[in-house]
Every structure is written in structure tokens, then in C-alpha cells.
Amino acid sequence: MPDAAGELAVDRTPPRKQTVVTTTMTFDLFDMAGFIGVLLIVIAYLLLQLDRLPSSALSFSLLNAAGSLLIMLSLVFKFNVSAFLIEAFWFLISLIGLSKWLAARKRLRIKAEERTMTQEK
């Protein structure tokens, strides 16, 4: 930097020691829960895209619900509000799929009972 006379001044102060900060990654039990949750959701989506699992299947909704619950469990220990919100909505939407599956199953059971009753008469 130039001094008052316009000449360059040399900084002769000794250099500071540099501090190196290292962090280690830990993989706790709640991290494992989140990892498994992600795998469940990805597997459900992959099977859906490969036409191996219809979105109306019970297993599709169960995979998504279980996955989102495991991710939310992991977020309790390392909270992130936006991630928690998306997983809460993912879980609630999975519950809609589960309720639709249960309603369809009940309708099928009622129809089967009606057929049995009409055949007995």
C-alpha cells in the first residue's frame, strides 16, 4: 500500500499461523434411518417409473409413508424446517393413497358379499 509520500510500504510483520480446522463425518443411527427412508422413497419411485408398481398399490403408499417417517425421524436430531415440511406433506399424501386403497378394498368386499348373497337366493 502506498504511504503518504506515494511510495510503497512493505509490511514486515511476521505471518500468522494458519489454523486448519478438520471435521469428521459421523454416521449415527438417525442418519441411518434417514438414509433408509431415502432408499424406500427412491425405490418406490423407480418401480413406478419402470411400470413395476402402480401408484394405486398398497406397497407404493407404504414405501412412501415409511420412507418419509424415517426421514422425519432423522430430522428430529438435525432439524431442517424445509426438509421436514416436504416430508410431512409426503407422509400426508401417502396417507391419502392408503385410505383410497382401504376404501377400494372395502368396496370390493361389499360387492363380493352381495354376489354371494344373490347366488344363495
C-alpha atoms as a PDB file:
ATOM      1  CA  MET A   1       0.000   0.000   0.000  1.00  0.00           C
ATOM      2  CA  PRO A   2       1.408   3.463  -0.793  1.00  0.00           C
ATOM      3  CA  ASP A   3       2.410   5.648   2.170  1.00  0.00           C
ATOM      4  CA  ALA A   4       1.921   9.438   2.489  1.00  0.00           C
ATOM      5  CA  ALA A   5       4.889  10.111   0.188  1.00  0.00           C
ATOM      6  CA  GLY A   6       3.413   7.876  -2.507  1.00  0.00           C
ATOM      7  CA  GLU A   7       5.972   5.133  -2.065  1.00  0.00           C
ATOM      8  CA  LEU A   8       5.121   1.511  -1.466  1.00  0.00           C
ATOM      9  CA  ALA A   9       5.460   0.388   2.113  1.00  0.00           C
ATOM     10  CA  VAL A  10       6.489  -3.159   2.918  1.00  0.00           C
ATOM     11  CA  ASP A  11       4.644  -4.988   5.647  1.00  0.00           C
ATOM     12  CA  ARG A  12       7.285  -6.602   7.819  1.00  0.00           C
ATOM     13  CA  THR A  13       5.014  -8.200  10.385  1.00  0.00           C
ATOM     14  CA  PRO A  14       5.563 -11.943  10.712  1.00  0.00           C
ATOM     15  CA  PRO A  15       2.947 -14.141   9.083  1.00  0.00           C
ATOM     16  CA  ARG A  16       0.252 -15.521  11.346  1.00  0.00           C
ATOM     17  CA  LYS A  17      -0.040 -19.201  11.979  1.00  0.00           C
ATOM     18  CA  GLN A  18      -2.761 -20.740   9.916  1.00  0.00           C
ATOM     19  CA  THR A  19      -5.265 -22.806  11.771  1.00  0.00           C
ATOM     20  CA  VAL A  20      -6.512 -25.883   9.983  1.00  0.00           C
ATOM     21  CA  VAL A  21      -9.978 -26.999  11.016  1.00  0.00           C
ATOM     22  CA  THR A  22     -10.914 -30.542  10.199  1.00  0.00           C
ATOM     23  CA  THR A  23     -14.336 -32.018  10.575  1.00  0.00           C
ATOM     24  CA  THR A  24     -15.143 -35.650  10.653  1.00  0.00           C
ATOM     25  CA  MET A  25     -18.329 -37.051   9.281  1.00  0.00           C
ATOM     26  CA  THR A  26     -20.227 -39.207  11.693  1.00  0.00           C
ATOM     27  CA  PHE A  27     -22.897 -41.631  10.630  1.00  0.00           C
ATOM     28  CA  ASP A  28     -25.266 -42.043  13.581  1.00  0.00           C
ATOM     29  CA  LEU A  29     -28.317 -44.236  13.957  1.00  0.00           C
ATOM     30  CA  PHE A  30     -30.651 -41.385  12.982  1.00  0.00           C
ATOM     31  CA  ASP A  31     -28.555 -40.822   9.848  1.00  0.00           C
ATOM     32  CA  MET A  32     -29.084 -44.484   9.006  1.00  0.00           C
ATOM     33  CA  ALA A  33     -32.842 -44.032   9.487  1.00  0.00           C
ATOM     34  CA  GLY A  34     -32.836 -41.091   7.069  1.00  0.00           C
ATOM     35  CA  PHE A  35     -30.702 -42.996   4.576  1.00  0.00           C
ATOM     36  CA  ILE A  36     -33.082 -45.976   4.637  1.00  0.00           C
ATOM     37  CA  GLY A  37     -36.024 -43.579   4.265  1.00  0.00           C
ATOM     38  CA  VAL A  38     -34.489 -42.045   1.165  1.00  0.00           C
ATOM     39  CA  LEU A  39     -33.870 -45.514  -0.272  1.00  0.00           C
ATOM     40  CA  LEU A  40     -37.507 -46.525   0.295  1.00  0.00           C
ATOM     41  CA  ILE A  41     -38.841 -43.431  -1.466  1.00  0.00           C
ATOM     42  CA  VAL A  42     -36.396 -43.767  -4.364  1.00  0.00           C
ATOM     43  CA  ILE A  43     -37.213 -47.468  -4.782  1.00  0.00           C
ATOM     44  CA  ALA A  44     -40.952 -46.697  -4.833  1.00  0.00           C
ATOM     45  CA  TYR A  45     -40.462 -44.002  -7.453  1.00  0.00           C
ATOM     46  CA  LEU A  46     -38.145 -46.183  -9.549  1.00  0.00           C
ATOM     47  CA  LEU A  47     -40.614 -49.076  -9.530  1.00  0.00           C
ATOM     48  CA  LEU A  48     -43.388 -46.668 -10.503  1.00  0.00           C
ATOM     49  CA  GLN A  49     -41.389 -45.328 -13.448  1.00  0.00           C
ATOM     50  CA  LEU A  50     -40.471 -48.851 -14.582  1.00  0.00           C
ATOM     51  CA  ASP A  51     -44.173 -49.823 -14.543  1.00  0.00           C
ATOM     52  CA  ARG A  52     -43.447 -52.475 -11.925  1.00  0.00           C
ATOM     53  CA  LEU A  53     -45.609 -50.881  -9.245  1.00  0.00           C
ATOM     54  CA  PRO A  54     -48.815 -48.936  -9.832  1.00  0.00           C
ATOM     55  CA  SER A  55     -49.370 -45.803  -7.803  1.00  0.00           C
ATOM     56  CA  SER A  56     -52.627 -47.305  -6.528  1.00  0.00           C
ATOM     57  CA  ALA A  57     -50.807 -50.272  -4.950  1.00  0.00           C
ATOM     58  CA  LEU A  58     -50.677 -50.576  -1.185  1.00  0.00           C
ATOM     59  CA  SER A  59     -46.927 -51.170  -1.279  1.00  0.00           C
ATOM     60  CA  PHE A  60     -46.334 -47.884  -3.145  1.00  0.00           C
ATOM     61  CA  SER A  61     -48.089 -45.859  -0.436  1.00  0.00           C
ATOM     62  CA  LEU A  62     -46.454 -47.867   2.358  1.00  0.00           C
ATOM     63  CA  LEU A  63     -42.966 -47.384   0.909  1.00  0.00           C
ATOM     64  CA  ASN A  64     -43.534 -43.631   0.636  1.00  0.00           C
ATOM     65  CA  ALA A  65     -45.101 -43.313   4.099  1.00  0.00           C
ATOM     66  CA  ALA A  66     -42.370 -45.363   5.793  1.00  0.00           C
ATOM     67  CA  GLY A  67     -39.645 -43.502   3.912  1.00  0.00           C
ATOM     68  CA  SER A  68     -40.964 -40.089   4.847  1.00  0.00           C
ATOM     69  CA  LEU A  69     -41.390 -41.102   8.503  1.00  0.00           C
ATOM     70  CA  LEU A  70     -37.792 -42.345   8.662  1.00  0.00           C
ATOM     71  CA  ILE A  71     -36.519 -39.115   7.107  1.00  0.00           C
ATOM     72  CA  MET A  72     -38.586 -37.058   9.574  1.00  0.00           C
ATOM     73  CA  LEU A  73     -37.132 -39.138  12.406  1.00  0.00           C
ATOM     74  CA  SER A  74     -33.628 -38.292  11.246  1.00  0.00           C
ATOM     75  CA  LEU A  75     -34.594 -34.612  11.012  1.00  0.00           C
ATOM     76  CA  VAL A  76     -35.573 -34.556  14.689  1.00  0.00           C
ATOM     77  CA  PHE A  77     -31.853 -34.808  15.513  1.00  0.00           C
ATOM     78  CA  LYS A  78     -30.575 -32.443  12.805  1.00  0.00           C
ATOM     79  CA  PHE A  79     -33.587 -30.238  12.147  1.00  0.00           C
ATOM     80  CA  ASN A  80     -34.178 -28.517   8.825  1.00  0.00           C
ATOM     81  CA  VAL A  81     -37.601 -26.908   8.533  1.00  0.00           C
ATOM     82  CA  SER A  82     -37.946 -27.080   4.754  1.00  0.00           C
ATOM     83  CA  ALA A  83     -36.908 -30.745   4.606  1.00  0.00           C
ATOM     84  CA  PHE A  84     -39.277 -31.539   7.477  1.00  0.00           C
ATOM     85  CA  LEU A  85     -42.179 -29.792   5.714  1.00  0.00           C
ATOM     86  CA  ILE A  86     -41.720 -31.661   2.440  1.00  0.00           C
ATOM     87  CA  GLU A  87     -41.532 -34.968   4.301  1.00  0.00           C
ATOM     88  CA  ALA A  88     -44.630 -34.138   6.362  1.00  0.00           C
ATOM     89  CA  PHE A  89     -46.567 -33.418   3.159  1.00  0.00           C
ATOM     90  CA  TRP A  90     -45.115 -36.562   1.543  1.00  0.00           C
ATOM     91  CA  PHE A  91     -46.379 -38.593   4.505  1.00  0.00           C
ATOM     92  CA  LEU A  92     -49.845 -36.986   4.448  1.00  0.00           C
ATOM     93  CA  ILE A  93     -50.198 -37.588   0.709  1.00  0.00           C
ATOM     94  CA  SER A  94     -49.144 -41.211   1.269  1.00  0.00           C
ATOM     95  CA  LEU A  95     -51.927 -41.478   3.852  1.00  0.00           C
ATOM     96  CA  ILE A  96     -54.389 -40.348   1.178  1.00  0.00           C
ATOM     97  CA  GLY A  97     -53.153 -43.195  -1.025  1.00  0.00           C
ATOM     98  CA  LEU A  98     -53.513 -45.653   1.858  1.00  0.00           C
ATOM     99  CA  SER A  99     -57.062 -44.509   2.599  1.00  0.00           C
ATOM    100  CA  LYS A 100     -58.009 -44.817  -1.079  1.00  0.00           C
ATOM    101  CA  TRP A 101     -56.624 -48.370  -1.129  1.00  0.00           C
ATOM    102  CA  LEU A 102     -58.577 -49.275   2.031  1.00  0.00           C
ATOM    103  CA  ALA A 103     -61.793 -47.780   0.598  1.00  0.00           C
ATOM    104  CA  ALA A 104     -61.366 -49.723  -2.661  1.00  0.00           C
ATOM    105  CA  ARG A 105     -60.744 -52.916  -0.717  1.00  0.00           C
ATOM    106  CA  LYS A 106     -63.884 -52.355   1.345  1.00  0.00           C
ATOM    107  CA  ARG A 107     -65.947 -51.749  -1.815  1.00  0.00           C
ATOM    108  CA  LEU A 108     -64.650 -54.993  -3.321  1.00  0.00           C
ATOM    109  CA  ARG A 109     -65.506 -56.913  -0.157  1.00  0.00           C
ATOM    110  CA  ILE A 110     -69.059 -55.485  -0.124  1.00  0.00           C
ATOM    111  CA  LYS A 111     -69.555 -56.383  -3.801  1.00  0.00           C
ATOM    112  CA  ALA A 112     -68.293 -59.912  -3.162  1.00  0.00           C
ATOM    113  CA  GLU A 113     -70.699 -60.295  -0.234  1.00  0.00           C
ATOM    114  CA  GLU A 114     -73.585 -59.008  -2.371  1.00  0.00           C
ATOM    115  CA  ARG A 115     -72.755 -61.526  -5.102  1.00  0.00           C
ATOM    116  CA  THR A 116     -72.612 -64.329  -2.572  1.00  0.00           C
ATOM    117  CA  MET A 117     -75.983 -63.315  -1.123  1.00  0.00           C
ATOM    118  CA  THR A 118     -77.648 -63.136  -4.572  1.00  0.00           C
ATOM    119  CA  GLN A 119     -76.235 -66.538  -5.541  1.00  0.00           C
ATOM    120  CA  GLU A 120     -77.609 -68.114  -2.353  1.00  0.00           C
ATOM    121  CA  LYS A 121     -81.168 -66.947  -3.090  1.00  0.00           C
END
